[in-house]
């Protein structure tokens, strides 16, 4: 492959794009890899398409290596299958929907579980047809409320989705392990430092679920890792350990006048000033905060829910939504319509609403909390004695230093970009579509499924986030748009020599980008080369008459003068080939 920059559709930018929020967005625009086409939608320019295709090739290679068979579905799909699975409503506003001229409802597919399930139902009939692993690489669509960060959160994106079909739970576990290992190889080949974390299934359904997160400070996912064991989880999936030792036997519930204390801070200050229960060591962790939310089901039904968390924690709405999925929650503010819920003074005792509590609110624990009267709080409000939650919920914020639920070690908190997600779906979709095949014993068997996704276009952005410096991009060899960037530094025969060298390198099996633009200065060309980010470059310059060129290794910073005849050998030596 030979790309000449004199004819390449390329425009680099000297100034920072005004709407670029993260390094990958900024650099992919500046280096001429993508252009904005619409909110949340980008055109892949030639250099960007080369990188995207290289990433896709790695994904496809590893999926085929474990027995995956590639298919391709339409992106425009009828409503009926998604009604059967209930995801037409479960996806809510994230779903792009439209109506054709005949009045039929359609959607732009966010994922394809339904269609894969129907395909297997149509084309299999016996246990002899299993197991199966099918995949596709295709554009997906989600109506993001606020597209941002370039390729990291868009409305249209390229995704690899794969689905395994097995007849036993053991078969599903084996398929899951096989794809999981393939994902590790994929991300290693792409040069992505990543962590595998426990995750929530959300609208996908299923049981076991793990995310592959590329470590990045700009990532929208927050995850924890234990300093003492291998536990790692998305904060939405973090399990809170239940207290092993509960409070000592408390006295009777006592109500106290606590005027002008609608906040936890004001309540703690008053409790210590007045030495409630003979104590002056009250902290926010001793209080029970009760937050009222409105829960909206996908079909539109609403319910009032009260969440109880220790007063030193906030309710994490993202974590709450994950726990309630596919329903969503918003903070309740119409307290005038519910006089029984006294804002700032709500307690769980005698509450007339569904009440879910943090796992720390364990039976026997005693709390300082609202007394359900304006200006009053109660002490010695004991879980299991004075109130019994309707259940527990993981909705409180997760903080660095929290204990690990497996080994009680210390959790650290980091940020990452979700680049892959694997699910053990089980029989959610084969149950919905009543998929049965003939088993070896002549009886019907219902297949079980796994679902495995990789954000291919998002992976390009994640690579850019992890592989850049203050001068530009710096692509790993596996995905770089070229193996070597040849730069003609001047005009006096150097452009012709650069083209001759480039042709010779192509004949050696290398992919070459050559800057043969005669009208530009050497400084501009060098700046563009660093911005574009091919790791190895060859400068045809002032010593051309001596058949000597300059070799530059962007990663190490090494620069050396090399005889023209030795250029292919030097490039291969530095690329490890």
Protein backbone atom coordinates (compact mmCIF):
# COMPACT_ATOMS: atom_id res chain seq x y z
CA UNK A 1 0.00 0.00 0.00
CA UNK A 2 1.31 3.42 -1.00
CA UNK A 3 -0.44 6.59 0.09
CA UNK A 4 0.73 9.89 -1.39
CA UNK A 5 -0.15 12.88 0.73
CA UNK A 6 -0.18 15.07 -2.38
CA UNK A 7 -3.37 13.28 -3.50
CA UNK A 8 -4.69 12.05 -0.14
CA UNK A 9 -8.01 13.45 1.11
CA UNK A 10 -6.44 15.00 4.19
CA UNK A 11 -6.64 18.28 6.05
CA UNK A 12 -4.74 18.70 9.29
CA UNK A 13 -5.68 21.44 11.74
CA UNK A 14 -3.26 23.73 13.54
CA UNK A 15 -5.83 25.02 16.04
CA UNK A 16 -7.65 23.01 18.68
CA UNK A 17 -11.25 22.22 17.59
CA UNK A 18 -13.58 24.27 19.77
CA UNK A 19 -15.99 21.41 20.53
CA UNK A 20 -13.38 18.71 21.21
CA UNK A 21 -13.63 17.68 24.86
CA UNK A 22 -11.10 14.83 25.16
CA UNK A 23 -7.67 14.12 23.61
CA UNK A 24 -8.90 11.42 21.20
CA UNK A 25 -11.60 13.70 19.79
CA UNK A 26 -9.20 16.59 19.46
CA UNK A 27 -6.36 14.64 17.86
CA UNK A 28 -8.46 12.52 15.49
CA UNK A 29 -9.97 15.74 14.14
CA UNK A 30 -6.69 17.63 13.97
CA UNK A 31 -4.82 14.77 12.28
CA UNK A 32 -7.51 14.34 9.62
CA UNK A 33 -8.83 10.93 10.63
CA UNK A 34 -12.49 11.92 11.11
CA UNK A 35 -14.85 14.82 10.38
CA UNK A 36 -18.08 15.65 12.13
CA UNK A 37 -21.09 14.87 9.94
CA UNK A 38 -23.93 15.27 12.45
CA UNK A 39 -24.41 15.41 16.24
CA UNK A 40 -22.97 12.09 17.40
CA UNK A 41 -22.01 11.01 13.87
CA UNK A 42 -18.62 11.13 12.13
CA UNK A 43 -17.25 10.59 8.64
CA UNK A 44 -14.21 8.34 8.52
CA UNK A 45 -11.59 9.93 6.27
CA UNK A 46 -9.01 7.75 4.45
CA UNK A 47 -6.45 7.62 7.28
CA UNK A 48 -9.15 7.01 9.87
CA UNK A 49 -10.78 4.30 7.77
CA UNK A 50 -7.44 2.51 7.50
CA UNK A 51 -7.14 2.45 11.30
CA UNK A 52 -10.78 1.41 11.73
CA UNK A 53 -10.31 -1.44 9.24
CA UNK A 54 -7.13 -2.58 11.00
CA UNK A 55 -8.97 -2.70 14.34
CA UNK A 56 -11.86 -4.56 12.70
CA UNK A 57 -9.44 -7.06 11.18
CA UNK A 58 -7.96 -7.89 14.58
CA UNK A 59 -11.43 -8.41 16.05
CA UNK A 60 -12.55 -10.54 13.10
CA UNK A 61 -9.33 -12.58 13.15
CA UNK A 62 -9.67 -13.56 16.81
CA UNK A 63 -13.40 -14.31 16.56
CA UNK A 64 -12.88 -16.63 13.59
CA UNK A 65 -9.99 -18.30 15.44
CA UNK A 66 -12.40 -19.54 18.14
CA UNK A 67 -14.96 -20.81 15.63
CA UNK A 68 -17.05 -17.69 15.10
CA UNK A 69 -19.01 -17.45 11.86
CA UNK A 70 -19.70 -13.99 10.46
CA UNK A 71 -23.13 -12.88 9.28
CA UNK A 72 -24.66 -9.47 8.62
CA UNK A 73 -28.15 -8.30 9.52
CA UNK A 74 -30.00 -5.18 8.41
CA UNK A 75 -29.76 -2.19 10.74
CA UNK A 76 -33.37 -1.26 9.96
CA UNK A 77 -35.59 -3.79 11.72
CA UNK A 78 -39.32 -4.33 12.28
CA UNK A 79 -40.91 -3.68 15.64
CA UNK A 80 -42.49 -7.10 16.19
CA UNK A 81 -39.47 -9.07 17.48
CA UNK A 82 -38.62 -6.26 19.90
CA UNK A 83 -42.19 -6.25 21.18
CA UNK A 84 -41.91 -9.96 21.89
CA UNK A 85 -38.70 -9.44 23.90
CA UNK A 86 -40.22 -6.26 25.47
CA UNK A 87 -37.19 -4.22 24.50
CA UNK A 88 -39.22 -1.86 22.31
CA UNK A 89 -40.32 -0.30 25.60
CA UNK A 90 -37.35 -1.29 27.80
CA UNK A 91 -34.90 0.73 25.72
CA UNK A 92 -37.05 3.81 26.19
CA UNK A 93 -35.79 7.05 24.68
CA UNK A 94 -32.47 5.50 23.64
CA UNK A 95 -34.20 3.73 20.75
CA UNK A 96 -34.36 5.33 17.30
CA UNK A 97 -37.80 4.51 15.93
CA UNK A 98 -39.53 5.37 12.66
CA UNK A 99 -42.61 4.50 10.61
CA UNK A 100 -42.65 3.52 6.96
CA UNK A 101 -45.14 4.70 4.33
CA UNK A 102 -47.42 1.78 5.10
CA UNK A 103 -47.63 2.65 8.78
CA UNK A 104 -45.28 -0.10 9.96
CA UNK A 105 -43.08 0.59 12.99
CA UNK A 106 -39.33 0.08 12.65
CA UNK A 107 -36.20 0.74 14.68
CA UNK A 108 -32.54 1.32 14.02
CA UNK A 109 -30.97 -1.58 15.87
CA UNK A 110 -28.99 -0.87 19.05
CA UNK A 111 -28.15 -4.62 19.29
CA UNK A 112 -29.35 -7.76 17.53
CA UNK A 113 -30.17 -10.44 20.12
CA UNK A 114 -33.67 -10.87 18.73
CA UNK A 115 -32.54 -11.30 15.13
CA UNK A 116 -29.79 -13.78 15.96
CA UNK A 117 -32.26 -15.80 18.01
CA UNK A 118 -34.78 -15.87 15.17
CA UNK A 119 -32.05 -16.86 12.70
CA UNK A 120 -31.01 -19.82 14.84
CA UNK A 121 -34.65 -20.79 15.30
CA UNK A 122 -35.12 -20.75 11.52
CA UNK A 123 -31.98 -22.69 10.64
CA UNK A 124 -31.58 -25.31 13.39
CA UNK A 125 -33.74 -28.23 14.46
CA UNK A 126 -31.54 -30.77 16.25
CA UNK A 127 -28.92 -31.04 18.95
CA UNK A 128 -26.52 -31.88 16.11
CA UNK A 129 -26.68 -28.23 15.03
CA UNK A 130 -25.05 -27.03 18.25
CA UNK A 131 -22.99 -25.34 19.57
CA UNK A 132 -22.94 -22.22 17.39
CA UNK A 133 -21.01 -18.94 17.65
CA UNK A 134 -22.18 -16.22 15.27
CA UNK A 135 -21.01 -12.63 14.96
CA UNK A 136 -21.28 -9.51 12.86
CA UNK A 137 -19.55 -6.13 12.57
CA UNK A 138 -22.13 -3.47 11.89
CA UNK A 139 -23.28 0.07 12.60
CA UNK A 140 -25.51 0.43 15.64
CA UNK A 141 -27.70 3.33 16.70
CA UNK A 142 -28.69 4.82 20.05
CA UNK A 143 -30.40 8.15 20.57
CA UNK A 144 -27.94 9.59 23.05
CA UNK A 145 -29.42 12.61 24.80
CA UNK A 146 -26.06 14.38 24.73
CA UNK A 147 -23.52 12.97 22.29
CA UNK A 148 -20.06 13.93 23.46
CA UNK A 149 -16.36 13.13 23.35
CA UNK A 150 -16.26 12.32 19.66
CA UNK A 151 -16.23 8.59 19.03
CA UNK A 152 -16.59 7.74 22.72
CA UNK A 153 -20.30 8.57 22.93
CA UNK A 154 -22.06 8.88 19.60
CA UNK A 155 -25.44 8.09 18.11
CA UNK A 156 -24.02 5.86 15.38
CA UNK A 157 -21.08 3.57 16.05
CA UNK A 158 -19.46 0.43 14.69
CA UNK A 159 -19.84 -2.62 16.91
CA UNK A 160 -18.94 -6.27 16.81
CA UNK A 161 -21.71 -8.30 18.42
CA UNK A 162 -21.45 -12.06 18.82
CA UNK A 163 -23.84 -14.66 20.20
CA UNK A 164 -23.21 -18.20 21.35
CA UNK A 165 -25.92 -20.88 21.33
CA UNK A 166 -25.49 -24.00 23.47
CA UNK A 167 -27.76 -26.70 24.82
CA UNK A 168 -26.36 -26.82 28.35
CA UNK A 169 -25.28 -24.34 30.98
CA UNK A 170 -21.85 -25.97 30.93
CA UNK A 171 -21.63 -25.30 27.20
CA UNK A 172 -22.52 -21.66 27.78
CA UNK A 173 -19.80 -21.36 30.42
CA UNK A 174 -17.26 -22.82 28.01
CA UNK A 175 -18.32 -20.45 25.21
CA UNK A 176 -18.20 -17.49 27.58
CA UNK A 177 -14.67 -18.42 28.70
CA UNK A 178 -13.54 -18.85 25.09
CA UNK A 179 -14.82 -15.44 23.99
CA UNK A 180 -13.51 -13.80 27.15
CA UNK A 181 -10.01 -15.13 26.40
CA UNK A 182 -10.32 -14.00 22.77
CA UNK A 183 -11.19 -10.49 23.98
CA UNK A 184 -8.04 -10.41 26.08
CA UNK A 185 -5.99 -11.32 23.01
CA UNK A 186 -7.81 -8.71 20.92
CA UNK A 187 -7.16 -5.87 23.33
CA UNK A 188 -3.56 -6.95 23.86
CA UNK A 189 -3.01 -6.86 20.10
CA UNK A 190 -4.64 -3.43 19.92
CA UNK A 191 -2.26 -2.15 22.59
CA UNK A 192 -5.06 -1.34 25.02
CA UNK A 193 -4.28 -1.52 28.72
CA UNK A 194 -7.52 -2.80 30.19
CA UNK A 195 -9.19 -4.23 33.26
CA UNK A 196 -11.95 -6.86 33.34
CA UNK A 197 -14.62 -5.88 35.85
CA UNK A 198 -17.90 -7.30 37.10
CA UNK A 199 -20.80 -5.40 35.54
CA UNK A 200 -24.56 -5.09 35.37
CA UNK A 201 -26.56 -6.59 32.50
CA UNK A 202 -29.06 -3.75 32.13
CA UNK A 203 -31.50 -3.97 29.21
CA UNK A 204 -29.50 -6.89 27.80
CA UNK A 205 -30.73 -9.26 30.50
CA UNK A 206 -28.92 -12.36 31.68
CA UNK A 207 -26.80 -13.24 34.66
CA UNK A 208 -22.99 -13.23 34.55
CA UNK A 209 -21.73 -9.99 33.05
CA UNK A 210 -18.26 -8.46 32.72
CA UNK A 211 -16.92 -5.30 31.12
CA UNK A 212 -13.53 -4.70 29.55
CA UNK A 213 -12.50 -1.17 30.49
CA UNK A 214 -9.59 0.65 28.86
CA UNK A 215 -7.85 2.64 31.57
CA UNK A 216 -8.35 6.37 30.91
CA UNK A 217 -8.93 9.48 32.98
CA UNK A 218 -11.58 10.61 30.48
CA UNK A 219 -13.57 7.38 30.71
CA UNK A 220 -17.23 7.65 31.67
CA UNK A 221 -17.15 4.38 33.60
CA UNK A 222 -15.90 4.35 37.17
CA UNK A 223 -14.62 1.05 38.51
CA UNK A 224 -13.00 -0.30 41.63
CA UNK A 225 -10.16 -2.69 42.23
CA UNK A 226 -9.14 -4.36 45.46
CA UNK A 227 -5.60 -3.87 46.74
CA UNK A 228 -5.60 -7.31 48.37
CA UNK A 229 -7.38 -9.63 45.92
CA UNK A 230 -8.39 -9.83 42.26
CA UNK A 231 -11.85 -8.29 42.73
CA UNK A 232 -12.73 -5.55 40.24
CA UNK A 233 -16.15 -4.16 39.37
CA UNK A 234 -17.88 -1.30 37.69
CA UNK A 235 -19.19 0.94 40.47
CA UNK A 236 -22.71 0.10 39.30
CA UNK A 237 -22.03 -3.54 40.17
CA UNK A 238 -20.05 -3.10 43.41
CA UNK A 239 -21.33 -5.31 46.21
CA UNK A 240 -21.47 -3.69 49.65
CA UNK A 241 -20.43 -6.01 52.49
CA UNK A 242 -23.09 -6.40 55.16
CA UNK A 243 -21.78 -5.37 58.59
CA UNK A 244 -20.59 -8.44 60.45
CA UNK A 245 -20.98 -6.79 63.84
CA UNK A 246 -24.14 -4.78 64.40
CA UNK A 247 -24.75 -2.12 67.00
CA UNK A 248 -25.17 -3.14 70.61
CA UNK A 249 -28.70 -3.42 71.94
CA UNK A 250 -30.20 0.05 71.69
CA UNK A 251 -32.64 1.72 73.99
CA UNK A 252 -36.17 2.59 72.95
CA UNK A 253 -36.82 4.87 70.00
CA UNK A 254 -36.82 8.49 71.21
CA UNK A 255 -38.11 11.53 69.35
CA UNK A 256 -36.29 14.85 69.77
CA UNK A 257 -37.06 18.42 68.80
CA UNK A 258 -34.50 19.30 66.13
CA UNK A 259 -35.67 22.57 64.56
CA UNK A 260 -33.92 23.90 61.46
CA UNK A 261 -32.03 20.67 60.73
CA UNK A 262 -33.11 19.62 57.24
CA UNK A 263 -29.56 18.63 56.28
CA UNK A 264 -27.28 15.91 57.64
CA UNK A 265 -24.61 18.46 58.58
CA UNK A 266 -27.03 20.59 60.61
CA UNK A 267 -28.48 17.49 62.29
CA UNK A 268 -25.07 16.17 63.35
CA UNK A 269 -24.07 19.58 64.72
CA UNK A 270 -27.22 19.82 66.83
CA UNK A 271 -26.97 16.19 68.02
CA UNK A 272 -23.46 16.82 69.34
CA UNK A 273 -24.34 20.23 70.80
CA UNK A 274 -27.26 18.73 72.73
CA UNK A 275 -25.47 15.44 73.45
CA UNK A 276 -28.39 13.37 72.26
CA UNK A 277 -28.39 9.94 73.95
CA UNK A 278 -25.47 11.21 76.04
CA UNK A 279 -23.17 11.31 73.01
CA UNK A 280 -21.02 14.06 71.59
CA UNK A 281 -19.36 11.93 68.93
CA UNK A 282 -22.18 11.82 66.37
CA UNK A 283 -21.05 11.69 62.72
CA UNK A 284 -22.91 11.64 59.42
CA UNK A 285 -22.32 7.87 59.26
CA UNK A 286 -24.57 7.46 62.33
CA UNK A 287 -27.51 9.02 60.54
CA UNK A 288 -29.92 7.46 58.07
CA UNK A 289 -30.70 9.57 55.00
CA UNK A 290 -33.96 8.80 53.20
CA UNK A 291 -34.17 9.92 49.57
CA UNK A 292 -37.47 9.91 47.66
CA UNK A 293 -37.43 9.06 43.94
CA UNK A 294 -40.00 8.45 41.24
CA UNK A 295 -39.46 5.15 39.46
CA UNK A 296 -40.71 5.02 35.89
CA UNK A 297 -41.19 1.66 34.18
CA UNK A 298 -40.54 1.35 30.41
CA UNK A 299 -44.28 1.20 29.75
CA UNK A 300 -44.83 4.51 31.56
CA UNK A 301 -46.10 3.30 34.96
CA UNK A 302 -44.71 5.26 37.91
CA UNK A 303 -44.10 4.38 41.55
CA UNK A 304 -42.80 6.31 44.54
CA UNK A 305 -39.74 4.75 46.17
CA UNK A 306 -37.77 5.78 49.26
CA UNK A 307 -34.09 4.83 49.43
CA UNK A 308 -32.34 4.65 52.80
CA UNK A 309 -28.55 5.18 52.87
CA UNK A 310 -26.09 6.13 55.61
CA UNK A 311 -26.00 9.90 55.98
CA UNK A 312 -22.36 10.18 54.97
CA UNK A 313 -23.24 8.82 51.49
CA UNK A 314 -25.10 10.27 48.54
CA UNK A 315 -27.45 8.25 46.36
CA UNK A 316 -25.65 7.58 43.06
CA UNK A 317 -28.41 7.93 40.46
CA UNK A 318 -26.45 6.02 37.83
CA UNK A 319 -25.97 3.17 40.28
CA UNK A 320 -29.64 3.40 41.25
CA UNK A 321 -30.75 3.16 37.60
CA UNK A 322 -28.56 0.10 37.14
CA UNK A 323 -30.18 -1.55 40.16
CA UNK A 324 -33.69 -0.72 38.93
CA UNK A 325 -33.13 -1.48 35.21
CA UNK A 326 -34.99 -1.44 32.94
CA UNK A 327 -36.85 1.16 35.03
CA UNK A 328 -35.33 4.61 35.60
CA UNK A 329 -35.47 6.94 38.59
CA UNK A 330 -35.67 10.69 39.07
CA UNK A 331 -35.60 12.68 42.30
CA UNK A 332 -39.07 13.40 43.70
CA UNK A 333 -39.80 17.03 44.44
CA UNK A 334 -43.59 17.33 44.73
CA UNK A 335 -43.69 17.00 48.52
CA UNK A 336 -46.83 19.13 48.70
CA UNK A 337 -48.73 16.19 47.22
CA UNK A 338 -47.39 13.84 49.91
CA UNK A 339 -47.73 15.50 53.33
CA UNK A 340 -46.77 12.18 54.94
CA UNK A 341 -43.28 12.61 53.49
CA UNK A 342 -41.84 15.59 55.36
CA UNK A 343 -38.87 16.84 53.38
CA UNK A 344 -35.71 16.83 55.47
CA UNK A 345 -37.34 14.84 58.28
CA UNK A 346 -38.27 11.51 56.67
CA UNK A 347 -37.77 8.35 58.71
CA UNK A 348 -38.32 4.71 57.70
CA UNK A 349 -40.56 3.91 60.67
CA UNK A 350 -44.19 3.76 59.59
CA UNK A 351 -43.44 5.07 56.11
CA UNK A 352 -46.26 4.68 53.57
CA UNK A 353 -44.18 3.96 50.48
CA UNK A 354 -41.98 1.16 49.22
CA UNK A 355 -38.72 1.35 51.16
CA UNK A 356 -35.39 -0.12 50.08
CA UNK A 357 -32.28 0.24 52.19
CA UNK A 358 -28.54 0.11 51.69
CA UNK A 359 -26.97 -3.22 52.81
CA UNK A 360 -25.29 -1.32 55.66
CA UNK A 361 -28.75 -0.81 57.15
CA UNK A 362 -28.62 -4.37 58.49
CA UNK A 363 -30.95 -5.85 61.11
CA UNK A 364 -29.92 -4.61 64.53
CA UNK A 365 -28.23 -1.42 63.39
CA UNK A 366 -29.48 1.73 65.18
CA UNK A 367 -29.79 5.11 63.49
CA UNK A 368 -30.44 8.79 64.03
CA UNK A 369 -33.05 9.64 61.40
CA UNK A 370 -36.17 11.64 60.69
CA UNK A 371 -39.27 11.29 62.85
CA UNK A 372 -41.70 12.08 60.00
CA UNK A 373 -42.62 15.38 61.64
CA UNK A 374 -41.29 18.80 60.73
CA UNK A 375 -38.46 19.79 63.07
CA UNK A 376 -38.16 16.37 64.73
CA UNK A 377 -35.68 13.48 64.52
CA UNK A 378 -35.50 10.17 66.32
CA UNK A 379 -32.64 8.25 67.92
CA UNK A 380 -32.36 4.49 68.45
CA UNK A 381 -34.32 3.72 65.28
CA UNK A 382 -33.37 0.07 64.90
CA UNK A 383 -33.60 -1.88 61.66
CA UNK A 384 -35.66 -5.02 62.16
CA UNK A 385 -37.28 -3.64 65.29
CA UNK A 386 -38.68 -0.22 64.47
CA UNK A 387 -38.80 -0.69 60.71
CA UNK A 388 -38.26 -3.47 58.18
CA UNK A 389 -37.17 -2.48 54.66
CA UNK A 390 -38.95 -4.06 51.72
CA UNK A 391 -35.53 -5.11 50.48
CA UNK A 392 -31.97 -3.92 49.97
CA UNK A 393 -30.60 -1.90 47.07
CA UNK A 394 -27.10 -0.97 45.90
CA UNK A 395 -27.58 2.74 45.30
CA UNK A 396 -25.13 4.55 47.61
CA UNK A 397 -22.03 6.14 46.15
CA UNK A 398 -18.85 4.04 46.11
CA UNK A 399 -15.70 5.64 47.50
CA UNK A 400 -12.00 4.89 47.51
CA UNK A 401 -11.14 3.12 50.76
CA UNK A 402 -14.40 1.17 50.96
CA UNK A 403 -13.97 -2.49 51.98
CA UNK A 404 -13.93 -5.31 49.44
CA UNK A 405 -16.87 -7.65 49.94
CA UNK A 406 -14.70 -10.69 49.15
CA UNK A 407 -11.63 -10.19 51.34
CA UNK A 408 -12.38 -6.92 53.21
CA UNK A 409 -9.31 -5.36 51.62
CA UNK A 410 -9.34 -1.76 50.44
CA UNK A 411 -10.95 -0.63 47.18
CA UNK A 412 -9.33 1.89 44.87
CA UNK A 413 -11.38 3.86 42.34
CA UNK A 414 -10.34 4.47 38.73
CA UNK A 415 -11.91 5.54 35.45
CA UNK A 416 -12.12 3.66 32.19
CA UNK A 417 -13.66 3.48 28.72
CA UNK A 418 -15.93 0.50 28.08
CA UNK A 419 -14.52 -1.29 25.03
CA UNK A 420 -16.11 -4.71 25.47
CA UNK A 421 -18.93 -6.40 27.35
CA UNK A 422 -19.71 -10.09 27.74
CA UNK A 423 -22.97 -11.56 29.10
CA UNK A 424 -24.28 -14.97 29.94
CA UNK A 425 -27.78 -14.27 28.70
CA UNK A 426 -29.18 -17.70 29.45
CA UNK A 427 -32.60 -18.40 27.96
CA UNK A 428 -34.16 -14.94 28.10
CA UNK A 429 -34.45 -14.68 24.31
CA UNK A 430 -34.94 -18.33 23.45
CA UNK A 431 -37.77 -18.35 26.01
CA UNK A 432 -39.28 -15.21 24.48
CA UNK A 433 -39.29 -16.74 20.99
CA UNK A 434 -39.97 -20.32 22.19
CA UNK A 435 -36.90 -21.75 20.47
CA UNK A 436 -36.71 -25.53 20.95
CA UNK A 437 -34.69 -28.18 19.15
CA UNK A 438 -34.74 -31.94 19.29
CA UNK A 439 -32.39 -33.31 21.95
CA UNK A 440 -30.34 -36.50 21.80
CA UNK A 441 -33.05 -38.29 23.79
CA UNK A 442 -35.77 -37.19 21.38
CA UNK A 443 -37.13 -34.56 23.79
CA UNK A 444 -37.20 -30.82 23.09
CA UNK A 445 -34.26 -28.76 24.40
CA UNK A 446 -34.19 -24.98 24.72
CA UNK A 447 -30.82 -23.41 23.78
CA UNK A 448 -29.02 -21.02 26.11
CA UNK A 449 -27.23 -17.93 24.88
CA UNK A 450 -24.24 -15.72 25.47
CA UNK A 451 -23.84 -12.18 24.11
CA UNK A 452 -20.47 -10.56 23.45
CA UNK A 453 -19.92 -7.01 22.21
CA UNK A 454 -16.93 -4.88 21.25
CA UNK A 455 -17.22 -1.20 20.41
CA UNK A 456 -14.98 -1.18 17.34
CA UNK A 457 -15.13 2.55 16.59
CA UNK A 458 -14.91 3.32 20.30
CA UNK A 459 -11.79 1.14 20.46
CA UNK A 460 -10.14 3.49 17.94
CA UNK A 461 -10.81 6.40 20.28
CA UNK A 462 -9.62 4.40 23.31
CA UNK A 463 -6.36 3.60 21.51
CA UNK A 464 -5.92 7.29 20.72
CA UNK A 465 -6.54 8.16 24.39
CA UNK A 466 -3.84 5.76 25.55
CA UNK A 467 -1.37 6.35 22.70
CA UNK A 468 -0.64 10.02 22.20
CA UNK A 469 1.67 12.72 23.48
CA UNK A 470 1.74 16.51 23.34
CA UNK A 471 2.75 16.39 19.66
CA UNK A 472 0.05 14.10 18.36
CA UNK A 473 -1.09 10.51 17.99
CA UNK A 474 1.23 7.52 18.33
CA UNK A 475 -0.44 4.40 16.97
CA UNK A 476 0.51 0.85 17.97
CA UNK A 477 1.94 -1.04 14.97
CA UNK A 478 -1.04 -3.39 14.76
CA UNK A 479 -3.47 -0.57 13.90
CA UNK A 480 -1.30 2.23 12.47
CA UNK A 481 -2.41 3.61 9.09
CA UNK A 482 1.05 2.82 7.70
CA UNK A 483 4.22 0.98 8.69
CA UNK A 484 6.46 3.91 7.79
CA UNK A 485 6.04 7.59 6.96
CA UNK A 486 8.49 8.85 4.31
CA UNK A 487 8.97 12.61 4.33
CA UNK A 488 10.54 14.57 1.46
CA UNK A 489 12.09 17.47 3.38
CA UNK A 490 12.85 19.67 0.37
CA UNK A 491 12.38 20.04 -3.37
CA UNK A 492 15.72 19.46 -5.12
CA UNK A 493 15.08 15.91 -6.28
CA UNK A 494 14.02 14.89 -2.79
CA UNK A 495 10.35 14.37 -3.69
CA UNK A 496 11.30 12.02 -6.52
CA UNK A 497 13.76 10.18 -4.28
CA UNK A 498 11.14 9.87 -1.55
CA UNK A 499 8.69 8.34 -4.04
CA UNK A 500 11.33 5.91 -5.28
CA UNK A 501 12.14 4.87 -1.71
CA UNK A 502 8.45 4.51 -0.91
CA UNK A 503 7.94 2.25 -3.95
CA UNK A 504 10.86 0.09 -2.87
CA UNK A 505 9.46 -0.24 0.66
CA UNK A 506 6.05 -1.23 -0.73
CA UNK A 507 7.80 -3.91 -2.80
CA UNK A 508 9.30 -5.14 0.49
CA UNK A 509 5.76 -5.68 1.80
CA UNK A 510 5.46 -2.49 3.87
CA UNK A 511 2.54 -0.06 4.00
CA UNK A 512 3.89 3.40 3.23
CA UNK A 513 2.63 6.94 3.68
CA UNK A 514 4.80 9.41 1.75
CA UNK A 515 4.69 13.18 2.14
CA UNK A 516 5.40 14.32 -1.42
CA UNK A 517 3.71 17.72 -1.13
CA UNK A 518 6.19 20.05 -2.89
CA UNK A 519 4.56 23.29 -1.79
CA UNK A 520 5.00 22.77 1.97
CA UNK A 521 7.99 23.46 4.19
CA UNK A 522 9.87 20.71 6.01
CA UNK A 523 8.64 22.09 9.35
CA UNK A 524 4.99 21.72 8.37
CA UNK A 525 5.61 18.19 7.11
CA UNK A 526 7.38 17.16 10.33
CA UNK A 527 4.55 18.62 12.41
CA UNK A 528 1.98 16.69 10.36
CA UNK A 529 4.00 13.49 10.66
CA UNK A 530 4.00 13.77 14.45
CA UNK A 531 0.29 14.63 14.49
CA UNK A 532 -0.63 11.64 12.29
CA UNK A 533 1.34 9.32 14.55
CA UNK A 534 3.07 6.63 12.46
CA UNK A 535 5.79 5.39 14.80
CA UNK A 536 8.62 5.20 12.23
CA UNK A 537 9.53 7.83 9.68
CA UNK A 538 12.28 8.33 7.12
CA UNK A 539 13.35 11.84 6.15
CA UNK A 540 14.78 12.31 2.67
CA UNK A 541 16.77 15.50 3.10
CA UNK A 542 20.08 17.28 2.83
CA UNK A 543 22.31 14.17 2.58
CA UNK A 544 20.40 12.59 -0.28
CA UNK A 545 23.34 13.21 -2.63
CA UNK A 546 25.35 10.87 -0.38
CA UNK A 547 22.55 8.24 -0.45
CA UNK A 548 21.93 8.87 3.25
CA UNK A 549 18.56 9.54 4.92
CA UNK A 550 17.45 10.13 8.51
CA UNK A 551 15.51 7.45 10.38
CA UNK A 552 13.26 8.55 13.25
CA UNK A 553 11.64 6.33 15.88
CA UNK A 554 8.85 8.32 17.48
CA UNK A 555 8.49 6.07 20.51
CA UNK A 556 12.11 6.01 21.61
CA UNK A 557 13.02 9.42 20.20
CA UNK A 558 15.95 7.80 18.40
CA UNK A 559 17.27 9.56 15.29
CA UNK A 560 20.01 8.09 13.13
CA UNK A 561 21.46 8.52 9.69
CA UNK A 562 21.01 5.45 7.51
CA UNK A 563 22.23 4.48 4.05
CA UNK A 564 19.35 4.33 1.58
CA UNK A 565 20.08 0.69 0.87
CA UNK A 566 19.68 -0.19 4.57
CA UNK A 567 16.30 1.52 5.14
CA UNK A 568 14.11 -1.64 4.80
CA UNK A 569 16.33 -3.54 7.23
CA UNK A 570 16.31 -0.72 9.80
CA UNK A 571 12.53 -0.37 9.63
CA UNK A 572 11.99 -4.09 10.12
CA UNK A 573 14.49 -4.15 12.99
CA UNK A 574 12.60 -1.38 14.79
CA UNK A 575 9.19 -2.92 14.10
CA UNK A 576 10.25 -6.34 15.40
CA UNK A 577 9.56 -8.06 12.05
